[in-house]
Structures are given as structure tokens and as C-alpha cells.
Amino acid sequence: MMRRAFRFIRTGTVGTAFGVALCLAPSVEAQDLLQRVKQRGEIHVGVELQSAPLEFTEQGQPKGYSVELMALVAADLGLKIRYTDVPFPSLLPGLDAKTFDMSGSSVTITKPRLERYHYSLPVVEGTVGLIKHKRETGIRESKDIAGKVVGAQRASSMLALLKNYSATLPGGVKEIKEYVDYNQAYADLAIGRIVAVANPLPNILYAARLRPTEFEVILPPFGPKAYLGWMVRKDDDSKPLMDEINRSLAKLNGSGKMRELQKKWMGTEMDLPADRIPEPLY
């Protein structure tokens, strides 16, 4: 059933629908984004499918916690989903350019982003921590990365947090390598080019579960408490759509369905606010 709930493309074109009975219906320009997606029966979602267990591909199909959650929300709204897979550095510029209707990647809720975008309610906790290779026996706490080479994703809040954390360590880290996606970062971690990778807890817990003989998570995480959510453009046109998405998310949170998906994909449940977006700490 999941396969029939969406269409998946790597590049997309936006078509224009022309009505023949304009006097009987409001113009497309007069409709808000929610009305337009309802009219076409489909929501166009930009997403970086390189972030397991939240959003990734398996046998050419979008998979993951966030993908399943988005399918439930779309079904509640009576919509199909069309995904466009984009690199993370291109995600927000693509949203700004109206290449797609919304961002379906689970992105950290930060103060600067709240000023620029309408966020969904939190879909998962996103406190940032470190994953290391088990051969790095000298790294037992986050502070032990001082003087070493570590990695994070380019243009991400994780990179900014890692840079800030490095500045608090004696001498800082030796180098922070920036990666387009985390598959590259984990590949370098496996062969010893870097000693640790910074990423939200859901991602690193999942990576450690997949490769238990190689990787382990350094606890507690070094970052402040944070949450991840989906985004639309911050304008009156897009807000009604996000209001409907949040209504659906609150219902799924209250029913326990979100916790079921968290257990399935991350092995643990998370206590997420169902009625508000918490004020971010950074």
C-alpha cells in the first residue's frame, strides 16, 4: 500500500492546469497552497533521501520513519505524495524557489529557520551527538575528540554545533571535514579518515544498530535538546497547509501511532510535544 501512496522522482517539472470554466471556480492565483494541492490531489515534497532511518531509499523506493509518517499525514489529508530527492544543501534553496510545496526532510528546528519558515510540530527528537569507530578506544566522551579529525554534513545545523563545541575544547578539534551526505561521512569513519561524525541521535543510533561491530554512539550527546520537523515557506499562502499537517500530526501523536513508528525505526519511543513547537535553544 505504501508504494501506491506516492510517486517518486529525482527531478521534477511543475505543470500548469488551466480551467475551462473560470467563471465557476476561483483562479489558481487566488487559491492558497492547501487549496491548490487539494485540487490536484497531490503534494510535491522535496527530501534528501540519504538520512536513514528517517528518509532513505530501498530498492529505489523512499523508506524510513519520516516517510511512513508523511504517508499517514497525506492519507489523512486525502493526498498522494510526489517526492523529489535533492542534496541537503539544495533543499532549502529549492523550497524558497517553489520547486516543491514543502520540505519532507526532518530538519532541526532552530531560531534562524523559525524566522524564515513555517515548521511542523516536532516529528522526532534531534539532539546532536557523536558516533565513533570502536577501534578509537581513546574516545570515551565527546570531549575526547579534541585534537582529532571529525566530520559533519555541509550546510547543516550539526556542522554549526560541532564547530561551536570544538571552540570549547582545549585546542579544539584538528579538522572538521564537511560532507554532502552521511553515507560519505560513515565511509570515511569506517576506514579511519575521521574518528567521529556528528549527527542527530536517531541517525547515529540507527547507524550503530546496522553496524554493531564497527560503530558505537558516544553518550551523552554534546548538543542541546533539539527537535526535527518539516517545513513550508513562511507566507500566508503556505500556512494553511502546515496548519492541516500539524492537525494530523497532533492526532497521530495522541493515538500513539508516532510512538509505534519510533519503536519500529529507532528502537525507542520519544516524548514529543503534540500542541506546540518548543522554543529552540539555538
C-alpha atoms as a PDB file:
ATOM      1  CA  MET A   1       0.000   0.000   0.000  1.00  0.00           C
ATOM      2  CA  MET A   2       2.869   2.336   0.704  1.00  0.00           C
ATOM      3  CA  ARG A   3       4.062   2.055  -2.878  1.00  0.00           C
ATOM      4  CA  ARG A   4       0.734   3.349  -4.140  1.00  0.00           C
ATOM      5  CA  ALA A   5       0.657   6.335  -1.819  1.00  0.00           C
ATOM      6  CA  PHE A   6       3.279   8.359  -3.649  1.00  0.00           C
ATOM      7  CA  ARG A   7       5.185   8.887  -6.854  1.00  0.00           C
ATOM      8  CA  PHE A   8       8.965   9.227  -6.584  1.00  0.00           C
ATOM      9  CA  ILE A   9      11.145  11.274  -8.935  1.00  0.00           C
ATOM     10  CA  ARG A  10      14.647  12.625  -8.773  1.00  0.00           C
ATOM     11  CA  THR A  11      13.921  15.664 -10.862  1.00  0.00           C
ATOM     12  CA  GLY A  12      10.541  17.207 -11.433  1.00  0.00           C
ATOM     13  CA  THR A  13       8.727  19.694 -13.604  1.00  0.00           C
ATOM     14  CA  VAL A  14       5.830  21.761 -12.478  1.00  0.00           C
ATOM     15  CA  GLY A  15       2.833  21.705 -14.789  1.00  0.00           C
ATOM     16  CA  THR A  16       0.124  24.373 -15.005  1.00  0.00           C
ATOM     17  CA  ALA A  17      -3.551  23.482 -15.051  1.00  0.00           C
ATOM     18  CA  PHE A  18      -5.939  25.700 -16.962  1.00  0.00           C
ATOM     19  CA  GLY A  19      -9.628  25.566 -16.182  1.00  0.00           C
ATOM     20  CA  VAL A  20     -12.155  25.986 -18.973  1.00  0.00           C
ATOM     21  CA  ALA A  21     -14.906  27.299 -16.738  1.00  0.00           C
ATOM     22  CA  LEU A  22     -13.115  30.153 -14.970  1.00  0.00           C
ATOM     23  CA  CYS A  23     -16.355  31.811 -14.037  1.00  0.00           C
ATOM     24  CA  LEU A  24     -17.339  28.779 -11.963  1.00  0.00           C
ATOM     25  CA  ALA A  25     -14.154  28.464  -9.856  1.00  0.00           C
ATOM     26  CA  PRO A  26     -11.618  30.820  -8.297  1.00  0.00           C
ATOM     27  CA  SER A  27      -8.374  31.280 -10.229  1.00  0.00           C
ATOM     28  CA  VAL A  28      -5.306  29.265  -9.254  1.00  0.00           C
ATOM     29  CA  GLU A  29      -3.592  32.503  -8.257  1.00  0.00           C
ATOM     30  CA  ALA A  30      -6.398  33.244  -5.768  1.00  0.00           C
ATOM     31  CA  GLN A  31      -6.043  29.884  -4.037  1.00  0.00           C
ATOM     32  CA  ASP A  32      -3.652  29.224  -1.173  1.00  0.00           C
ATOM     33  CA  LEU A  33      -1.212  26.298  -1.253  1.00  0.00           C
ATOM     34  CA  LEU A  34      -3.538  23.966   0.662  1.00  0.00           C
ATOM     35  CA  GLN A  35      -6.343  24.588  -1.836  1.00  0.00           C
ATOM     36  CA  ARG A  36      -4.010  24.009  -4.780  1.00  0.00           C
ATOM     37  CA  VAL A  37      -2.651  20.690  -3.501  1.00  0.00           C
ATOM     38  CA  LYS A  38      -6.195  19.578  -2.626  1.00  0.00           C
ATOM     39  CA  GLN A  39      -7.316  20.482  -6.135  1.00  0.00           C
ATOM     40  CA  ARG A  40      -4.613  18.416  -7.800  1.00  0.00           C
ATOM     41  CA  GLY A  41      -4.837  15.653  -5.167  1.00  0.00           C
ATOM     42  CA  GLU A  42      -1.093  15.563  -4.694  1.00  0.00           C
ATOM     43  CA  ILE A  43       1.572  17.236  -2.575  1.00  0.00           C
ATOM     44  CA  HIS A  44       5.054  17.736  -4.021  1.00  0.00           C
ATOM     45  CA  VAL A  45       7.675  17.074  -1.323  1.00  0.00           C
ATOM     46  CA  GLY A  46      11.388  17.850  -1.537  1.00  0.00           C
ATOM     47  CA  VAL A  47      13.538  15.495   0.531  1.00  0.00           C
ATOM     48  CA  GLU A  48      17.118  14.327   0.918  1.00  0.00           C
ATOM     49  CA  LEU A  49      16.882  10.539   0.828  1.00  0.00           C
ATOM     50  CA  GLN A  50      20.272   9.930   2.460  1.00  0.00           C
ATOM     51  CA  SER A  51      19.290  10.124   6.137  1.00  0.00           C
ATOM     52  CA  ALA A  52      18.401   6.683   7.491  1.00  0.00           C
ATOM     53  CA  PRO A  53      16.341   5.804   9.452  1.00  0.00           C
ATOM     54  CA  LEU A  54      14.306   8.945   8.777  1.00  0.00           C
ATOM     55  CA  GLU A  55      14.393   9.297   4.988  1.00  0.00           C
ATOM     56  CA  PHE A  56      16.294   6.998   2.611  1.00  0.00           C
ATOM     57  CA  THR A  57      15.775   4.696  -0.360  1.00  0.00           C
ATOM     58  CA  GLU A  58      15.475   0.934  -0.548  1.00  0.00           C
ATOM     59  CA  GLN A  59      15.186  -0.784  -3.926  1.00  0.00           C
ATOM     60  CA  GLY A  60      14.525   2.610  -5.483  1.00  0.00           C
ATOM     61  CA  GLN A  61      11.643   3.494  -3.144  1.00  0.00           C
ATOM     62  CA  PRO A  62      11.539   6.114  -0.346  1.00  0.00           C
ATOM     63  CA  LYS A  63      11.665   4.436   3.070  1.00  0.00           C
ATOM     64  CA  GLY A  64      12.002   5.375   6.719  1.00  0.00           C
ATOM     65  CA  TYR A  65      10.280   6.738   9.779  1.00  0.00           C
ATOM     66  CA  SER A  66       9.538  10.160   8.334  1.00  0.00           C
ATOM     67  CA  VAL A  67       8.406   8.694   5.008  1.00  0.00           C
ATOM     68  CA  GLU A  68       5.877   6.432   6.742  1.00  0.00           C
ATOM     69  CA  LEU A  69       4.701   9.288   8.943  1.00  0.00           C
ATOM     70  CA  MET A  70       4.294  11.560   5.913  1.00  0.00           C
ATOM     71  CA  ALA A  71       2.240   8.848   4.184  1.00  0.00           C
ATOM     72  CA  LEU A  72      -0.159   8.754   7.154  1.00  0.00           C
ATOM     73  CA  VAL A  73      -0.495  12.535   7.148  1.00  0.00           C
ATOM     74  CA  ALA A  74      -1.067  12.649   3.387  1.00  0.00           C
ATOM     75  CA  ALA A  75      -3.717   9.933   3.630  1.00  0.00           C
ATOM     76  CA  ASP A  76      -5.446  11.916   6.382  1.00  0.00           C
ATOM     77  CA  LEU A  77      -5.486  14.953   4.074  1.00  0.00           C
ATOM     78  CA  GLY A  78      -6.699  12.877   1.120  1.00  0.00           C
ATOM     79  CA  LEU A  79      -3.495  13.442  -0.850  1.00  0.00           C
ATOM     80  CA  LYS A  80      -0.930  11.433  -2.772  1.00  0.00           C
ATOM     81  CA  ILE A  81       2.773  12.293  -2.443  1.00  0.00           C
ATOM     82  CA  ARG A  82       5.275  13.108  -5.179  1.00  0.00           C
ATOM     83  CA  TYR A  83       8.837  13.066  -3.845  1.00  0.00           C
ATOM     84  CA  THR A  84      11.829  14.829  -5.359  1.00  0.00           C
ATOM     85  CA  ASP A  85      15.202  13.696  -3.996  1.00  0.00           C
ATOM     86  CA  VAL A  86      17.655  16.595  -3.616  1.00  0.00           C
ATOM     87  CA  PRO A  87      21.032  17.011  -1.848  1.00  0.00           C
ATOM     88  CA  PHE A  88      20.616  18.643   1.553  1.00  0.00           C
ATOM     89  CA  PRO A  89      22.482  21.874   0.611  1.00  0.00           C
ATOM     90  CA  SER A  90      19.893  22.339  -2.182  1.00  0.00           C
ATOM     91  CA  LEU A  91      16.845  21.540  -0.046  1.00  0.00           C
ATOM     92  CA  LEU A  92      16.023  24.941   1.434  1.00  0.00           C
ATOM     93  CA  PRO A  93      17.010  26.904  -1.694  1.00  0.00           C
ATOM     94  CA  GLY A  94      14.653  24.620  -3.626  1.00  0.00           C
ATOM     95  CA  LEU A  95      11.881  25.307  -1.129  1.00  0.00           C
ATOM     96  CA  ASP A  96      12.489  29.048  -1.391  1.00  0.00           C
ATOM     97  CA  ALA A  97      12.344  28.832  -5.191  1.00  0.00           C
ATOM     98  CA  LYS A  98       8.998  26.966  -5.015  1.00  0.00           C
ATOM     99  CA  THR A  99      10.477  23.928  -6.738  1.00  0.00           C
ATOM    100  CA  PHE A 100       8.273  21.855  -4.417  1.00  0.00           C
ATOM    101  CA  ASP A 101       5.458  22.512  -1.948  1.00  0.00           C
ATOM    102  CA  MET A 102       7.280  21.571   1.257  1.00  0.00           C
ATOM    103  CA  SER A 103      10.389  20.028   2.744  1.00  0.00           C
ATOM    104  CA  GLY A 104       9.768  16.485   3.949  1.00  0.00           C
ATOM    105  CA  SER A 105      13.266  16.041   5.345  1.00  0.00           C
ATOM    106  CA  SER A 106      13.347  16.026   9.140  1.00  0.00           C
ATOM    107  CA  VAL A 107      15.316  19.234   9.699  1.00  0.00           C
ATOM    108  CA  THR A 108      16.468  20.644  13.038  1.00  0.00           C
ATOM    109  CA  ILE A 109      14.207  23.393  14.385  1.00  0.00           C
ATOM    110  CA  THR A 110      16.464  26.395  15.009  1.00  0.00           C
ATOM    111  CA  LYS A 111      15.810  30.052  15.783  1.00  0.00           C
ATOM    112  CA  PRO A 112      17.038  31.340  12.393  1.00  0.00           C
ATOM    113  CA  ARG A 113      14.960  28.766  10.495  1.00  0.00           C
ATOM    114  CA  LEU A 114      11.826  29.579  12.514  1.00  0.00           C
ATOM    115  CA  GLU A 115      12.192  33.152  11.313  1.00  0.00           C
ATOM    116  CA  ARG A 116      12.266  32.020   7.679  1.00  0.00           C
ATOM    117  CA  TYR A 117       9.892  29.026   7.554  1.00  0.00           C
ATOM    118  CA  HIS A 118       6.670  27.623   8.982  1.00  0.00           C
ATOM    119  CA  TYR A 119       7.624  24.423  10.817  1.00  0.00           C
ATOM    120  CA  SER A 120       5.572  21.386  11.604  1.00  0.00           C
ATOM    121  CA  LEU A 121       5.203  20.087  15.119  1.00  0.00           C
ATOM    122  CA  PRO A 122       8.270  18.021  16.075  1.00  0.00           C
ATOM    123  CA  VAL A 123       8.323  14.672  14.299  1.00  0.00           C
ATOM    124  CA  VAL A 124      11.383  13.300  16.154  1.00  0.00           C
ATOM    125  CA  GLU A 125      13.962  14.352  18.737  1.00  0.00           C
ATOM    126  CA  GLY A 126      17.110  15.682  17.090  1.00  0.00           C
ATOM    127  CA  THR A 127      19.667  16.282  19.848  1.00  0.00           C
ATOM    128  CA  VAL A 128      23.098  16.108  18.213  1.00  0.00           C
ATOM    129  CA  GLY A 129      25.691  13.576  19.327  1.00  0.00           C
ATOM    130  CA  LEU A 130      28.723  11.712  18.021  1.00  0.00           C
ATOM    131  CA  ILE A 131      29.218   8.261  16.560  1.00  0.00           C
ATOM    132  CA  LYS A 132      32.721   6.785  16.536  1.00  0.00           C
ATOM    133  CA  HIS A 133      34.532   3.684  15.346  1.00  0.00           C
ATOM    134  CA  LYS A 134      35.045   1.079  18.051  1.00  0.00           C
ATOM    135  CA  ARG A 135      38.772   0.976  17.357  1.00  0.00           C
ATOM    136  CA  GLU A 136      39.012   4.536  18.745  1.00  0.00           C
ATOM    137  CA  THR A 137      39.362   3.336  22.324  1.00  0.00           C
ATOM    138  CA  GLY A 138      40.751   6.695  23.429  1.00  0.00           C
ATOM    139  CA  ILE A 139      37.438   8.386  22.712  1.00  0.00           C
ATOM    140  CA  ARG A 140      35.053   7.671  25.574  1.00  0.00           C
ATOM    141  CA  GLU A 141      33.391  11.076  25.952  1.00  0.00           C
ATOM    142  CA  SER A 142      32.546  13.782  23.446  1.00  0.00           C
ATOM    143  CA  LYS A 143      35.379  15.993  24.712  1.00  0.00           C
ATOM    144  CA  ASP A 144      37.912  13.335  23.662  1.00  0.00           C
ATOM    145  CA  ILE A 145      37.640  14.457  20.016  1.00  0.00           C
ATOM    146  CA  ALA A 146      39.921  17.411  20.853  1.00  0.00           C
ATOM    147  CA  GLY A 147      42.896  17.427  18.501  1.00  0.00           C
ATOM    148  CA  LYS A 148      41.312  14.911  16.128  1.00  0.00           C
ATOM    149  CA  VAL A 149      39.639  14.965  12.687  1.00  0.00           C
ATOM    150  CA  VAL A 150      35.841  14.693  12.755  1.00  0.00           C
ATOM    151  CA  GLY A 151      33.016  15.102  10.255  1.00  0.00           C
ATOM    152  CA  ALA A 152      29.538  16.570   9.731  1.00  0.00           C
ATOM    153  CA  GLN A 153      27.189  17.410   6.869  1.00  0.00           C
ATOM    154  CA  ARG A 154      27.782  20.578   4.880  1.00  0.00           C
ATOM    155  CA  ALA A 155      25.302  23.438   5.440  1.00  0.00           C
ATOM    156  CA  SER A 156      23.690  21.651   8.403  1.00  0.00           C
ATOM    157  CA  SER A 157      22.965  22.748  11.962  1.00  0.00           C
ATOM    158  CA  MET A 158      25.036  19.750  13.080  1.00  0.00           C
ATOM    159  CA  LEU A 159      28.082  21.297  11.444  1.00  0.00           C
ATOM    160  CA  ALA A 160      27.457  24.619  13.200  1.00  0.00           C
ATOM    161  CA  LEU A 161      27.001  22.909  16.567  1.00  0.00           C
ATOM    162  CA  LEU A 162      30.161  20.856  16.080  1.00  0.00           C
ATOM    163  CA  LYS A 163      32.150  23.997  15.280  1.00  0.00           C
ATOM    164  CA  ASN A 164      30.776  25.706  18.399  1.00  0.00           C
ATOM    165  CA  TYR A 165      31.536  22.659  20.531  1.00  0.00           C
ATOM    166  CA  SER A 166      35.068  22.440  19.120  1.00  0.00           C
ATOM    167  CA  ALA A 167      35.682  26.021  20.259  1.00  0.00           C
ATOM    168  CA  THR A 168      35.015  24.951  23.874  1.00  0.00           C
ATOM    169  CA  LEU A 169      37.644  22.186  23.806  1.00  0.00           C
ATOM    170  CA  PRO A 170      41.313  22.759  24.710  1.00  0.00           C
ATOM    171  CA  GLY A 171      42.931  23.410  21.323  1.00  0.00           C
ATOM    172  CA  GLY A 172      39.708  22.472  19.525  1.00  0.00           C
ATOM    173  CA  VAL A 173      39.494  19.652  17.013  1.00  0.00           C
ATOM    174  CA  LYS A 174      42.223  19.297  14.424  1.00  0.00           C
ATOM    175  CA  GLU A 175      39.840  19.495  11.462  1.00  0.00           C
ATOM    176  CA  ILE A 176      36.147  19.235  10.629  1.00  0.00           C
ATOM    177  CA  LYS A 177      35.533  17.575   7.282  1.00  0.00           C
ATOM    178  CA  GLU A 178      32.295  18.559   5.540  1.00  0.00           C
ATOM    179  CA  TYR A 179      30.258  16.012   3.595  1.00  0.00           C
ATOM    180  CA  VAL A 180      27.411  16.295   1.095  1.00  0.00           C
ATOM    181  CA  ASP A 181      25.700  13.300   2.711  1.00  0.00           C
ATOM    182  CA  TYR A 182      26.275  10.978   5.637  1.00  0.00           C
ATOM    183  CA  ASN A 183      26.988   7.893   3.550  1.00  0.00           C
ATOM    184  CA  GLN A 184      30.275   9.574   2.631  1.00  0.00           C
ATOM    185  CA  ALA A 185      30.942  10.507   6.263  1.00  0.00           C
ATOM    186  CA  TYR A 186      30.329   6.966   7.518  1.00  0.00           C
ATOM    187  CA  ALA A 187      32.534   5.552   4.758  1.00  0.00           C
ATOM    188  CA  ASP A 188      35.407   7.780   5.934  1.00  0.00           C
ATOM    189  CA  LEU A 189      34.678   6.821   9.546  1.00  0.00           C
ATOM    190  CA  ALA A 190      34.915   3.136   8.654  1.00  0.00           C
ATOM    191  CA  ILE A 191      38.366   3.475   7.049  1.00  0.00           C
ATOM    192  CA  GLY A 192      39.767   5.829   9.685  1.00  0.00           C
ATOM    193  CA  ARG A 193      39.949   9.149   7.821  1.00  0.00           C
ATOM    194  CA  ILE A 194      37.906  10.677  10.639  1.00  0.00           C
ATOM    195  CA  VAL A 195      37.366   9.499  14.226  1.00  0.00           C
ATOM    196  CA  ALA A 196      33.754  10.608  14.759  1.00  0.00           C
ATOM    197  CA  VAL A 197      30.687  12.006  12.985  1.00  0.00           C
ATOM    198  CA  ALA A 198      28.152  14.480  14.394  1.00  0.00           C
ATOM    199  CA  ASN A 199      24.509  13.761  13.617  1.00  0.00           C
ATOM    200  CA  PRO A 200      21.138  13.728  15.433  1.00  0.00           C
ATOM    201  CA  LEU A 201      20.567  10.809  17.804  1.00  0.00           C
ATOM    202  CA  PRO A 202      18.016   8.941  15.626  1.00  0.00           C
ATOM    203  CA  ASN A 203      20.523   8.747  12.774  1.00  0.00           C
ATOM    204  CA  ILE A 204      23.554   7.656  14.781  1.00  0.00           C
ATOM    205  CA  LEU A 205      21.605   5.165  16.893  1.00  0.00           C
ATOM    206  CA  TYR A 206      20.335   3.570  13.683  1.00  0.00           C
ATOM    207  CA  ALA A 207      23.811   3.528  12.095  1.00  0.00           C
ATOM    208  CA  ALA A 208      25.235   1.830  15.193  1.00  0.00           C
ATOM    209  CA  ARG A 209      22.439  -0.778  15.132  1.00  0.00           C
ATOM    210  CA  LEU A 210      23.222  -1.566  11.489  1.00  0.00           C
ATOM    211  CA  ARG A 211      26.977  -1.891  12.085  1.00  0.00           C
ATOM    212  CA  PRO A 212      27.331  -3.034  15.702  1.00  0.00           C
ATOM    213  CA  THR A 213      30.812  -4.497  15.249  1.00  0.00           C
ATOM    214  CA  GLU A 214      32.167  -1.205  13.865  1.00  0.00           C
ATOM    215  CA  PHE A 215      30.325   1.802  15.276  1.00  0.00           C
ATOM    216  CA  GLU A 216      29.107   2.972  18.670  1.00  0.00           C
ATOM    217  CA  VAL A 217      27.386   6.132  19.904  1.00  0.00           C
ATOM    218  CA  ILE A 218      29.116   8.401  22.412  1.00  0.00           C
ATOM    219  CA  LEU A 219      26.688   9.244  25.212  1.00  0.00           C
ATOM    220  CA  PRO A 220      25.557  11.630  26.498  1.00  0.00           C
ATOM    221  CA  PRO A 221      25.211  13.736  23.317  1.00  0.00           C
ATOM    222  CA  PHE A 222      27.132  17.012  23.265  1.00  0.00           C
ATOM    223  CA  GLY A 223      24.369  19.140  21.736  1.00  0.00           C
ATOM    224  CA  PRO A 224      21.471  20.919  23.462  1.00  0.00           C
ATOM    225  CA  LYS A 225      17.994  19.375  23.406  1.00  0.00           C
ATOM    226  CA  ALA A 226      16.576  19.753  19.903  1.00  0.00           C
ATOM    227  CA  TYR A 227      13.728  18.569  17.688  1.00  0.00           C
ATOM    228  CA  LEU A 228      13.297  17.953  13.974  1.00  0.00           C
ATOM    229  CA  GLY A 229      10.359  18.933  11.796  1.00  0.00           C
ATOM    230  CA  TRP A 230       9.116  19.537   8.250  1.00  0.00           C
ATOM    231  CA  MET A 231       8.888  22.982   6.634  1.00  0.00           C
ATOM    232  CA  VAL A 232       6.929  25.158   4.238  1.00  0.00           C
ATOM    233  CA  ARG A 233       7.660  28.685   3.092  1.00  0.00           C
ATOM    234  CA  LYS A 234       6.825  31.379   5.644  1.00  0.00           C
ATOM    235  CA  ASP A 235       3.964  33.154   3.929  1.00  0.00           C
ATOM    236  CA  ASP A 236       0.197  33.334   4.228  1.00  0.00           C
ATOM    237  CA  ASP A 237      -0.089  31.171   1.106  1.00  0.00           C
ATOM    238  CA  SER A 238       1.641  28.186   2.743  1.00  0.00           C
ATOM    239  CA  LYS A 239       0.441  28.454   6.353  1.00  0.00           C
ATOM    240  CA  PRO A 240      -2.982  26.769   5.859  1.00  0.00           C
ATOM    241  CA  LEU A 241      -1.213  23.678   4.521  1.00  0.00           C
ATOM    242  CA  MET A 242       1.083  23.485   7.555  1.00  0.00           C
ATOM    243  CA  ASP A 243      -1.886  24.039   9.875  1.00  0.00           C
ATOM    244  CA  GLU A 244      -3.553  20.945   8.378  1.00  0.00           C
ATOM    245  CA  ILE A 245      -0.339  18.925   8.602  1.00  0.00           C
ATOM    246  CA  ASN A 246       0.005  19.884  12.278  1.00  0.00           C
ATOM    247  CA  ARG A 247      -3.591  18.927  12.973  1.00  0.00           C
ATOM    248  CA  SER A 248      -2.874  15.489  11.550  1.00  0.00           C
ATOM    249  CA  LEU A 249       0.458  15.133  13.415  1.00  0.00           C
ATOM    250  CA  ALA A 250      -1.216  16.011  16.725  1.00  0.00           C
ATOM    251  CA  LYS A 251      -3.800  13.293  16.083  1.00  0.00           C
ATOM    252  CA  LEU A 252      -1.108  10.715  15.256  1.00  0.00           C
ATOM    253  CA  ASN A 253       0.853  11.689  18.358  1.00  0.00           C
ATOM    254  CA  GLY A 254      -2.198  11.372  20.583  1.00  0.00           C
ATOM    255  CA  SER A 255      -3.177   7.994  19.146  1.00  0.00           C
ATOM    256  CA  GLY A 256       0.250   6.503  19.839  1.00  0.00           C
ATOM    257  CA  LYS A 257       0.913   5.838  16.143  1.00  0.00           C
ATOM    258  CA  MET A 258       4.013   8.056  16.138  1.00  0.00           C
ATOM    259  CA  ARG A 259       5.472   6.070  19.036  1.00  0.00           C
ATOM    260  CA  GLU A 260       4.826   2.822  17.154  1.00  0.00           C
ATOM    261  CA  LEU A 261       6.829   4.129  14.201  1.00  0.00           C
ATOM    262  CA  GLN A 262       9.610   5.353  16.500  1.00  0.00           C
ATOM    263  CA  LYS A 263       9.919   1.895  18.066  1.00  0.00           C
ATOM    264  CA  LYS A 264       9.945   0.307  14.611  1.00  0.00           C
ATOM    265  CA  TRP A 265      12.645   2.523  13.118  1.00  0.00           C
ATOM    266  CA  MET A 266      14.741   3.669  16.096  1.00  0.00           C
ATOM    267  CA  GLY A 267      14.152   1.070  18.767  1.00  0.00           C
ATOM    268  CA  THR A 268      12.904   3.632  21.281  1.00  0.00           C
ATOM    269  CA  GLU A 269       9.954   5.945  21.931  1.00  0.00           C
ATOM    270  CA  MET A 270      10.303   9.722  22.146  1.00  0.00           C
ATOM    271  CA  ASP A 271       8.248  12.187  24.156  1.00  0.00           C
ATOM    272  CA  LEU A 272       7.326  14.855  21.599  1.00  0.00           C
ATOM    273  CA  PRO A 273       5.154  17.961  22.119  1.00  0.00           C
ATOM    274  CA  ALA A 274       1.789  17.472  20.422  1.00  0.00           C
ATOM    275  CA  ASP A 275       0.468  21.022  20.725  1.00  0.00           C
ATOM    276  CA  ARG A 276       3.399  23.399  20.213  1.00  0.00           C
ATOM    277  CA  ILE A 277       6.830  23.913  18.708  1.00  0.00           C
ATOM    278  CA  PRO A 278       9.266  24.262  21.638  1.00  0.00           C
ATOM    279  CA  GLU A 279      11.422  27.383  21.627  1.00  0.00           C
ATOM    280  CA  PRO A 280      14.768  26.213  20.210  1.00  0.00           C
ATOM    281  CA  LEU A 281      17.904  26.743  22.270  1.00  0.00           C
ATOM    282  CA  TYR A 282      19.966  27.865  19.268  1.00  0.00           C
END
